[in-house]
C-alpha atoms as a PDB file:
ATOM      1  CA  MET A   1     233.769 108.357 139.457  1.00  0.00           C
ATOM      2  CA  SER A   2     234.814 104.760 139.311  1.00  0.00           C
ATOM      3  CA  ASN A   3     237.154 103.637 136.555  1.00  0.00           C
ATOM      4  CA  VAL A   4     236.456  99.952 137.160  1.00  0.00           C
ATOM      5  CA  ILE A   5     235.385  98.137 134.011  1.00  0.00           C
ATOM      6  CA  ASN A   6     232.903  95.300 134.302  1.00  0.00           C
ATOM      7  CA  ALA A   7     234.587  92.289 132.655  1.00  0.00           C
ATOM      8  CA  SER A   8     231.287  90.481 132.186  1.00  0.00           C
ATOM      9  CA  ALA A   9     229.877  93.469 130.355  1.00  0.00           C
ATOM     10  CA  VAL A  10     232.846  93.494 128.016  1.00  0.00           C
ATOM     11  CA  THR A  11     232.409  89.784 127.388  1.00  0.00           C
ATOM     12  CA  ASN A  12     228.693  90.167 126.736  1.00  0.00           C
ATOM     13  CA  ASN A  13     229.229  93.119 124.422  1.00  0.00           C
ATOM     14  CA  SER A  14     231.905  91.209 122.552  1.00  0.00           C
ATOM     15  CA  ALA A  15     229.634  88.203 122.186  1.00  0.00           C
ATOM     16  CA  THR A  16     226.820  90.424 120.967  1.00  0.00           C
ATOM     17  CA  THR A  17     229.119  92.027 118.406  1.00  0.00           C
ATOM     18  CA  THR A  18     230.335  88.615 117.217  1.00  0.00           C
ATOM     19  CA  THR A  19     226.761  87.361 116.920  1.00  0.00           C
ATOM     20  CA  ALA A  20     225.698  90.437 114.944  1.00  0.00           C
ATOM     21  CA  THR A  21     228.699  90.035 112.640  1.00  0.00           C
ATOM     22  CA  SER A  22     227.899  86.344 112.050  1.00  0.00           C
ATOM     23  CA  SER A  23     224.290  87.233 111.386  1.00  0.00           C
ATOM     24  CA  ALA A  24     225.363  89.826 108.847  1.00  0.00           C
ATOM     25  CA  LYS A  25     227.606  87.306 107.101  1.00  0.00           C
ATOM     26  CA  LEU A  26     224.813  84.712 107.057  1.00  0.00           C
ATOM     27  CA  ASP A  27     222.342  87.154 105.537  1.00  0.00           C
ATOM     28  CA  LEU A  28     224.876  88.132 102.887  1.00  0.00           C
ATOM     29  CA  SER A  29     225.518  84.509 101.958  1.00  0.00           C
ATOM     30  CA  ILE A  30     221.781  83.895 101.581  1.00  0.00           C
ATOM     31  CA  ALA A  31     221.472  86.944  99.348  1.00  0.00           C
ATOM     32  CA  ILE A  32     224.368  85.750  97.200  1.00  0.00           C
ATOM     33  CA  ALA A  33     222.872  82.261  96.986  1.00  0.00           C
ATOM     34  CA  MET A  34     219.510  83.655  95.906  1.00  0.00           C
ATOM     35  CA  ARG A  35     221.124  85.838  93.252  1.00  0.00           C
ATOM     36  CA  GLU A  36     223.104  82.884  91.903  1.00  0.00           C
ATOM     37  CA  ARG A  37     219.973  80.721  91.930  1.00  0.00           C
ATOM     38  CA  ILE A  38     218.099  83.252  89.800  1.00  0.00           C
ATOM     39  CA  GLU A  39     221.058  83.602  87.444  1.00  0.00           C
ATOM     40  CA  ASP A  40     221.221  79.822  87.026  1.00  0.00           C
ATOM     41  CA  LEU A  41     217.494  79.639  86.280  1.00  0.00           C
ATOM     42  CA  ALA A  42     217.818  82.441  83.740  1.00  0.00           C
ATOM     43  CA  ILE A  43     220.641  80.537  82.041  1.00  0.00           C
ATOM     44  CA  GLN A  44     218.471  77.393  81.997  1.00  0.00           C
ATOM     45  CA  ARG A  45     215.630  79.404  80.463  1.00  0.00           C
ATOM     46  CA  GLU A  46     217.934  80.732  77.742  1.00  0.00           C
ATOM     47  CA  GLY A  47     219.106  77.209  77.020  1.00  0.00           C
ATOM     48  CA  TRP A  48     215.509  76.003  76.816  1.00  0.00           C
ATOM     49  CA  GLU A  49     214.567  78.831  74.448  1.00  0.00           C
ATOM     50  CA  ASN A  50     217.564  78.164  72.237  1.00  0.00           C
ATOM     51  CA  THR A  51     217.142  74.383  72.147  1.00  0.00           C
ATOM     52  CA  GLN A  52     213.889  72.717  73.192  1.00  0.00           C
ATOM     53  CA  LEU A  53     211.576  75.679  72.459  1.00  0.00           C
ATOM     54  CA  ALA A  54     213.337  76.432  69.197  1.00  0.00           C
ATOM     55  CA  ARG A  55     213.138  72.774  68.136  1.00  0.00           C
ATOM     56  CA  SER A  56     209.444  72.504  69.009  1.00  0.00           C
ATOM     57  CA  ASN A  57     208.624  75.711  67.144  1.00  0.00           C
ATOM     58  CA  GLN A  58     210.616  74.602  64.123  1.00  0.00           C
ATOM     59  CA  ALA A  59     208.789  71.264  64.186  1.00  0.00           C
ATOM     60  CA  LEU A  60     205.445  73.085  64.191  1.00  0.00           C
ATOM     61  CA  TYR A  61     206.543  75.460  61.424  1.00  0.00           C
ATOM     62  CA  SER A  62     207.643  72.471  59.350  1.00  0.00           C
ATOM     63  CA  ILE A  63     204.100  71.099  59.602  1.00  0.00           C
ATOM     64  CA  PHE A  64     202.733  74.428  58.359  1.00  0.00           C
ATOM     65  CA  LYS A  65     205.086  74.145  55.396  1.00  0.00           C
ATOM     66  CA  GLU A  66     203.595  70.752  54.547  1.00  0.00           C
ATOM     67  CA  CYS A  67     200.051  72.132  54.985  1.00  0.00           C
ATOM     68  CA  LEU A  68     200.819  74.870  52.473  1.00  0.00           C
ATOM     69  CA  SER A  69     202.326  72.307  50.111  1.00  0.00           C
ATOM     70  CA  LEU A  70     199.249  70.097  50.458  1.00  0.00           C
ATOM     71  CA  TYR A  71     196.909  73.022  49.771  1.00  0.00           C
ATOM     72  CA  ARG A  72     198.798  73.916  46.603  1.00  0.00           C
ATOM     73  CA  ASP A  73     198.847  70.315  45.422  1.00  0.00           C
ATOM     74  CA  LEU A  74     195.052  70.305  45.747  1.00  0.00           C
ATOM     75  CA  THR A  75     194.610  73.527  43.804  1.00  0.00           C
ATOM     76  CA  GLU A  76     197.218  73.451  41.040  1.00  0.00           C
ATOM     77  CA  GLY A  77     199.349  71.113  38.960  1.00  0.00           C
ATOM     78  CA  GLU A  78     198.561  67.769  37.381  1.00  0.00           C
ATOM     79  CA  ASN A  79     196.206  64.969  38.463  1.00  0.00           C
ATOM     80  CA  LEU A  80     194.038  67.301  40.541  1.00  0.00           C
ATOM     81  CA  LYS A  81     191.009  65.017  40.228  1.00  0.00           C
ATOM     82  CA  GLU A  82     192.827  62.030  41.675  1.00  0.00           C
ATOM     83  CA  LYS A  83     194.394  64.104  44.455  1.00  0.00           C
ATOM     84  CA  LYS A  84     191.020  65.500  45.474  1.00  0.00           C
ATOM     85  CA  ILE A  85     189.503  62.013  45.508  1.00  0.00           C
ATOM     86  CA  GLY A  86     192.206  60.901  47.928  1.00  0.00           C
ATOM     87  CA  PHE A  87     191.621  63.998  50.042  1.00  0.00           C
ATOM     88  CA  ARG A  88     187.866  63.356  50.202  1.00  0.00           C
ATOM     89  CA  ASP A  89     188.495  59.701  51.054  1.00  0.00           C
ATOM     90  CA  HIS A  90     190.555  60.756  54.059  1.00  0.00           C
ATOM     91  CA  ILE A  91     187.824  63.169  55.207  1.00  0.00           C
ATOM     92  CA  ASN A  92     185.177  60.447  54.881  1.00  0.00           C
ATOM     93  CA  LEU A  93     187.282  57.862  56.730  1.00  0.00           C
ATOM     94  CA  LYS A  94     187.838  60.295  59.593  1.00  0.00           C
ATOM     95  CA  GLY A  95     184.166  61.256  59.631  1.00  0.00           C
ATOM     96  CA  TYR A  96     184.870  64.985  59.433  1.00  0.00           C
ATOM     97  CA  LYS A  97     181.849  67.157  58.642  1.00  0.00           C
ATOM     98  CA  PHE A  98     182.207  70.482  56.867  1.00  0.00           C
ATOM     99  CA  LYS A  99     179.767  73.163  55.807  1.00  0.00           C
ATOM    100  CA  GLU A 100     179.424  73.793  52.090  1.00  0.00           C
ATOM    101  CA  SER A 101     181.012  77.200  52.669  1.00  0.00           C
ATOM    102  CA  SER A 102     184.076  75.786  54.482  1.00  0.00           C
ATOM    103  CA  PRO A 103     187.235  76.763  52.545  1.00  0.00           C
ATOM    104  CA  LEU A 104     189.754  74.163  51.421  1.00  0.00           C
ATOM    105  CA  SER A 105     192.394  75.749  53.675  1.00  0.00           C
ATOM    106  CA  LEU A 106     190.303  74.997  56.779  1.00  0.00           C
ATOM    107  CA  LYS A 107     189.766  71.419  55.609  1.00  0.00           C
ATOM    108  CA  VAL A 108     193.517  70.988  55.213  1.00  0.00           C
ATOM    109  CA  ILE A 109     194.206  72.301  58.724  1.00  0.00           C
ATOM    110  CA  ARG A 110     191.520  70.113  60.252  1.00  0.00           C
ATOM    111  CA  CYS A 111     192.755  67.011  58.462  1.00  0.00           C
ATOM    112  CA  ILE A 112     196.333  67.582  59.626  1.00  0.00           C
ATOM    113  CA  PHE A 113     195.780  68.859  63.168  1.00  0.00           C
ATOM    114  CA  GLY A 114     192.738  66.758  64.023  1.00  0.00           C
ATOM    115  CA  ASP A 115     189.322  67.610  65.332  1.00  0.00           C
ATOM    116  CA  LYS A 116     189.905  68.021  69.074  1.00  0.00           C
ATOM    117  CA  ASP A 117     190.269  71.767  69.560  1.00  0.00           C
ATOM    118  CA  ARG A 118     188.453  74.343  67.449  1.00  0.00           C
ATOM    119  CA  ARG A 119     190.404  77.241  68.976  1.00  0.00           C
ATOM    120  CA  ARG A 120     193.678  75.780  67.780  1.00  0.00           C
ATOM    121  CA  LEU A 121     192.207  75.037  64.356  1.00  0.00           C
ATOM    122  CA  SER A 122     191.054  78.651  64.039  1.00  0.00           C
ATOM    123  CA  THR A 123     194.496  80.015  64.965  1.00  0.00           C
ATOM    124  CA  TYR A 124     196.375  77.618  62.704  1.00  0.00           C
ATOM    125  CA  HIS A 125     193.933  78.273  59.873  1.00  0.00           C
ATOM    126  CA  THR A 126     194.731  81.983  60.112  1.00  0.00           C
ATOM    127  CA  VAL A 127     198.431  81.255  59.646  1.00  0.00           C
ATOM    128  CA  LEU A 128     197.769  79.105  56.575  1.00  0.00           C
ATOM    129  CA  ARG A 129     195.477  81.743  55.059  1.00  0.00           C
ATOM    130  CA  VAL A 130     198.193  84.374  55.513  1.00  0.00           C
ATOM    131  CA  ALA A 131     200.742  82.065  53.864  1.00  0.00           C
ATOM    132  CA  ILE A 132     198.365  81.494  50.939  1.00  0.00           C
ATOM    133  CA  ALA A 133     197.389  85.153  50.544  1.00  0.00           C
ATOM    134  CA  ASP A 134     200.992  86.366  50.692  1.00  0.00           C
ATOM    135  CA  SER A 135     202.248  83.601  48.366  1.00  0.00           C
ATOM    136  CA  TRP A 136     204.958  82.328  50.701  1.00  0.00           C
ATOM    137  CA  ALA A 137     207.535  80.041  49.144  1.00  0.00           C
ATOM    138  CA  LEU A 138     207.614  76.640  50.842  1.00  0.00           C
ATOM    139  CA  GLU A 139     211.247  76.995  51.875  1.00  0.00           C
ATOM    140  CA  GLU A 140     210.573  80.315  53.624  1.00  0.00           C
ATOM    141  CA  VAL A 141     207.523  79.317  55.694  1.00  0.00           C
ATOM    142  CA  ALA A 142     209.452  78.837  58.946  1.00  0.00           C
ATOM    143  CA  ALA A 143     211.392  82.067  58.462  1.00  0.00           C
ATOM    144  CA  LYS A 144     208.204  84.031  57.670  1.00  0.00           C
ATOM    145  CA  ILE A 145     206.418  82.769  60.780  1.00  0.00           C
ATOM    146  CA  THR A 146     209.445  83.577  62.948  1.00  0.00           C
ATOM    147  CA  GLU A 147     209.816  86.977  61.299  1.00  0.00           C
ATOM    148  CA  ARG A 148     206.219  87.852  62.154  1.00  0.00           C
ATOM    149  CA  GLY A 149     206.538  86.888  65.804  1.00  0.00           C
ATOM    150  CA  GLY A 150     205.201  83.351  65.743  1.00  0.00           C
ATOM    151  CA  VAL A 151     201.862  81.658  65.214  1.00  0.00           C
ATOM    152  CA  GLN A 152     199.915  83.587  67.853  1.00  0.00           C
ATOM    153  CA  GLU A 153     201.200  86.989  66.792  1.00  0.00           C
ATOM    154  CA  ILE A 154     200.133  86.324  63.202  1.00  0.00           C
ATOM    155  CA  SER A 155     196.666  85.363  64.443  1.00  0.00           C
ATOM    156  CA  VAL A 156     196.321  88.499  66.584  1.00  0.00           C
ATOM    157  CA  ARG A 157     197.517  90.840  63.840  1.00  0.00           C
ATOM    158  CA  LYS A 158     195.177  89.244  61.336  1.00  0.00           C
ATOM    159  CA  ALA A 159     192.283  89.854  63.740  1.00  0.00           C
ATOM    160  CA  ASN A 160     192.745  93.586  63.227  1.00  0.00           C
ATOM    161  CA  SER A 161     191.683  93.228  59.581  1.00  0.00           C
ATOM    162  CA  LEU A 162     189.195  90.381  59.820  1.00  0.00           C
ATOM    163  CA  SER A 163     186.082  90.015  57.711  1.00  0.00           C
ATOM    164  CA  GLN A 164     182.759  89.711  59.513  1.00  0.00           C
ATOM    165  CA  LYS A 165     182.855  85.936  59.135  1.00  0.00           C
ATOM    166  CA  ASP A 166     186.394  85.746  60.515  1.00  0.00           C
ATOM    167  CA  LYS A 167     185.398  87.942  63.454  1.00  0.00           C
ATOM    168  CA  ALA A 168     182.523  85.559  64.129  1.00  0.00           C
ATOM    169  CA  ILE A 169     184.907  82.578  64.085  1.00  0.00           C
ATOM    170  CA  ALA A 170     187.311  84.331  66.470  1.00  0.00           C
ATOM    171  CA  ALA A 171     184.513  85.261  68.884  1.00  0.00           C
ATOM    172  CA  GLN A 172     183.058  81.759  68.749  1.00  0.00           C
ATOM    173  CA  ALA A 173     186.444  80.214  69.561  1.00  0.00           C
ATOM    174  CA  ALA A 174     186.844  82.518  72.571  1.00  0.00           C
ATOM    175  CA  LEU A 175     183.298  81.885  73.831  1.00  0.00           C
ATOM    176  CA  LEU A 176     183.188  78.160  73.146  1.00  0.00           C
ATOM    177  CA  ASP A 177     183.962  77.022  76.692  1.00  0.00           C
ATOM    178  CA  GLN A 178     181.803  79.461  78.617  1.00  0.00           C
ATOM    179  CA  SER A 179     178.085  79.702  79.327  1.00  0.00           C
ATOM    180  CA  VAL A 180     176.593  82.697  81.137  1.00  0.00           C
ATOM    181  CA  ALA A 181     173.135  81.185  81.561  1.00  0.00           C
ATOM    182  CA  SER A 182     170.925  78.184  80.859  1.00  0.00           C
ATOM    183  CA  ILE A 183     167.384  78.755  79.607  1.00  0.00           C
ATOM    184  CA  ASP A 184     164.818  76.085  80.388  1.00  0.00           C
ATOM    185  CA  SER A 185     161.126  76.375  79.558  1.00  0.00           C
ATOM    186  CA  ASN A 186     158.399  74.025  78.395  1.00  0.00           C
ATOM    187  CA  GLN A 187     157.554  76.285  75.476  1.00  0.00           C
ATOM    188  CA  LEU A 188     161.156  76.196  74.222  1.00  0.00           C
ATOM    189  CA  LYS A 189     161.259  72.433  74.666  1.00  0.00           C
ATOM    190  CA  SER A 190     158.098  72.095  72.617  1.00  0.00           C
ATOM    191  CA  MET A 191     159.988  73.642  69.678  1.00  0.00           C
ATOM    192  CA  HIS A 192     162.985  71.326  70.083  1.00  0.00           C
ATOM    193  CA  ASN A 193     164.427  69.907  66.881  1.00  0.00           C
ATOM    194  CA  SER A 194     167.094  67.249  67.428  1.00  0.00           C
ATOM    195  CA  GLU A 195     168.645  67.999  64.029  1.00  0.00           C
ATOM    196  CA  ARG A 196     169.807  71.334  65.457  1.00  0.00           C
ATOM    197  CA  ASN A 197     171.512  69.869  68.526  1.00  0.00           C
ATOM    198  CA  GLU A 198     174.931  71.481  69.261  1.00  0.00           C
ATOM    199  CA  GLN A 199     174.269  74.192  66.659  1.00  0.00           C
ATOM    200  CA  GLN A 200     174.374  77.876  67.556  1.00  0.00           C
ATOM    201  CA  ALA A 201     171.253  80.034  67.423  1.00  0.00           C
ATOM    202  CA  VAL A 202     170.376  83.654  68.226  1.00  0.00           C
ATOM    203  CA  ALA A 203     167.771  84.696  70.790  1.00  0.00           C
ATOM    204  CA  VAL A 204     165.886  87.989  70.750  1.00  0.00           C
ATOM    205  CA  VAL A 205     165.621  89.039  74.392  1.00  0.00           C
ATOM    206  CA  THR A 206     164.681  92.084  76.442  1.00  0.00           C
ATOM    207  CA  GLN A 207     166.600  93.060  79.555  1.00  0.00           C
ATOM    208  CA  LEU A 208     164.187  93.673  82.436  1.00  0.00           C
ATOM    209  CA  GLN A 209     164.641  96.052  85.369  1.00  0.00           C
ATOM    210  CA  ASP A 210     165.359  93.249  87.827  1.00  0.00           C
ATOM    211  CA  GLY A 211     168.335  92.077  85.748  1.00  0.00           C
ATOM    212  CA  THR A 212     166.549  89.104  84.168  1.00  0.00           C
ATOM    213  CA  TYR A 213     165.824  88.670  80.470  1.00  0.00           C
ATOM    214  CA  SER A 214     162.603  87.932  78.652  1.00  0.00           C
ATOM    215  CA  VAL A 215     163.109  85.606  75.656  1.00  0.00           C
ATOM    216  CA  HIS A 216     160.890  86.454  72.676  1.00  0.00           C
ATOM    217  CA  CYS A 217     162.154  84.039  70.026  1.00  0.00           C
ATOM    218  CA  ILE A 218     164.992  81.791  68.925  1.00  0.00           C
ATOM    219  CA  VAL A 219     166.421  82.272  65.432  1.00  0.00           C
ATOM    220  CA  HIS A 220     168.227  79.367  63.764  1.00  0.00           C
ATOM    221  CA  SER A 221     170.235  81.140  61.099  1.00  0.00           C
ATOM    222  CA  ASN A 222     173.973  81.006  60.429  1.00  0.00           C
ATOM    223  CA  THR A 223     173.826  84.535  59.055  1.00  0.00           C
ATOM    224  CA  ALA A 224     172.190  85.832  62.230  1.00  0.00           C
ATOM    225  CA  VAL A 225     174.616  83.921  64.453  1.00  0.00           C
ATOM    226  CA  ASN A 226     177.657  85.212  62.556  1.00  0.00           C
ATOM    227  CA  ALA A 227     176.332  88.774  62.692  1.00  0.00           C
ATOM    228  CA  ALA A 228     175.804  88.523  66.459  1.00  0.00           C
ATOM    229  CA  LEU A 229     179.261  87.015  67.034  1.00  0.00           C
ATOM    230  CA  ALA A 230     180.908  89.638  64.816  1.00  0.00           C
ATOM    231  CA  ALA A 231     179.131  92.360  66.790  1.00  0.00           C
ATOM    232  CA  TYR A 232     180.392  90.792  70.013  1.00  0.00           C
ATOM    233  CA  PHE A 233     183.930  90.734  68.591  1.00  0.00           C
ATOM    234  CA  ASN A 234     183.748  94.434  67.678  1.00  0.00           C
ATOM    235  CA  ALA A 235     182.535  95.338  71.177  1.00  0.00           C
ATOM    236  CA  ASN A 236     185.015  93.086  72.996  1.00  0.00           C
ATOM    237  CA  LYS A 237     187.997  92.854  70.631  1.00  0.00           C
ATOM    238  CA  SER A 238     190.703  93.163  73.291  1.00  0.00           C
ATOM    239  CA  ASP A 239     189.030  90.585  75.541  1.00  0.00           C
ATOM    240  CA  VAL A 240     188.584  88.107  72.678  1.00  0.00           C
ATOM    241  CA  GLN A 241     192.201  88.510  71.593  1.00  0.00           C
ATOM    242  CA  LYS A 242     193.405  88.146  75.188  1.00  0.00           C
ATOM    243  CA  VAL A 243     191.461  84.917  75.660  1.00  0.00           C
ATOM    244  CA  THR A 244     192.691  83.635  72.303  1.00  0.00           C
ATOM    245  CA  ALA A 245     196.290  84.433  73.242  1.00  0.00           C
ATOM    246  CA  GLN A 246     195.937  82.630  76.572  1.00  0.00           C
ATOM    247  CA  GLN A 247     194.371  79.612  74.920  1.00  0.00           C
ATOM    248  CA  GLN A 248     197.088  79.462  72.285  1.00  0.00           C
ATOM    249  CA  ALA A 249     199.817  79.805  74.897  1.00  0.00           C
ATOM    250  CA  LEU A 250     198.422  76.762  76.696  1.00  0.00           C
ATOM    251  CA  LEU A 251     198.176  74.822  73.466  1.00  0.00           C
ATOM    252  CA  GLU A 252     201.734  75.642  72.433  1.00  0.00           C
ATOM    253  CA  ALA A 253     202.989  74.732  75.909  1.00  0.00           C
ATOM    254  CA  GLU A 254     201.213  71.392  75.579  1.00  0.00           C
ATOM    255  CA  LEU A 255     202.733  70.893  72.126  1.00  0.00           C
ATOM    256  CA  ARG A 256     206.221  71.669  73.419  1.00  0.00           C
ATOM    257  CA  SER A 257     205.725  69.268  76.318  1.00  0.00           C
ATOM    258  CA  ASN A 258     204.582  66.489  73.991  1.00  0.00           C
ATOM    259  CA  LEU A 259     207.525  67.069  71.660  1.00  0.00           C
ATOM    260  CA  ILE A 260     209.998  67.047  74.551  1.00  0.00           C
ATOM    261  CA  ASN A 261     208.434  63.878  75.981  1.00  0.00           C
ATOM    262  CA  SER A 262     208.608  62.229  72.587  1.00  0.00           C
ATOM    263  CA  ALA A 263     212.262  63.185  72.231  1.00  0.00           C
ATOM    264  CA  THR A 264     213.270  61.948  75.691  1.00  0.00           C
ATOM    265  CA  ALA A 265     211.233  58.719  75.665  1.00  0.00           C
ATOM    266  CA  PRO A 266     213.770  56.667  73.639  1.00  0.00           C
ATOM    267  CA  ALA A 267     216.587  57.738  75.949  1.00  0.00           C
ATOM    268  CA  ASN A 268     214.558  56.836  79.039  1.00  0.00           C
ATOM    269  CA  ASP A 269     213.723  53.458  77.540  1.00  0.00           C
ATOM    270  CA  ALA A 270     217.404  52.822  76.844  1.00  0.00           C
ATOM    271  CA  ILE A 271     218.330  53.708  80.429  1.00  0.00           C
ATOM    272  CA  THR A 272     215.637  51.361  81.735  1.00  0.00           C
ATOM    273  CA  GLU A 273     216.943  48.520  79.573  1.00  0.00           C
ATOM    274  CA  LEU A 274     220.511  49.083  80.808  1.00  0.00           C
ATOM    275  CA  ALA A 275     219.369  49.125  84.422  1.00  0.00           C
ATOM    276  CA  ALA A 276     217.499  45.859  83.879  1.00  0.00           C
END
């Protein structure tokens, strides 16, 4: 047996070992870098929650405090007649339209938060109704909302004990942006009444074996619509609440973004002026 050792083999093996060791070190450094990256992002998230998110939530809760104060000023104390005249003047100037059955609390929310998003109005109205029903003190509004998990959590919990009308409002808000079908027929068009445009109605239909539906009549009745929506809510409660939660999350994210942009705009303007 030969005891001669191949020098080239030793060199190659050594090189292979060195390469493997370097590769192992490189992989370890990447792993460490990734871990540190995640830790840094988590720290940034904590800072955001404790500063920007907290400030935006507190700003929103402060508005709820003023909504509750406004509601009470319109329902108790002195000079109620004059206060209500001013309130009605604002509604008329803005062109807001309310049903006769619309509660004052909803009118307050709509006047303060605008008329752009009914889902948000419904959620915010729930918070104000809870504050009114539970007789929150003005100075504890922010603490009460925080204590109960925030605006959305209050809305979801309230949904578990909703009246039929409230269930109808919640279902309508969740269904507002979707349409499962469009019905077009000359007979329906012959019954068209422009005064009912953009108003909800209920159709009595029969499901046929081929999956289509036969429409028998259209009922224009708020009572019938609310009953149908409440029935939908009862049958699809978890889905409605999930959609509502998603919608509110998007709205709150938009609010936070707007508040952050508003806060940073003056600083950006100052930097631009210095650069100029």
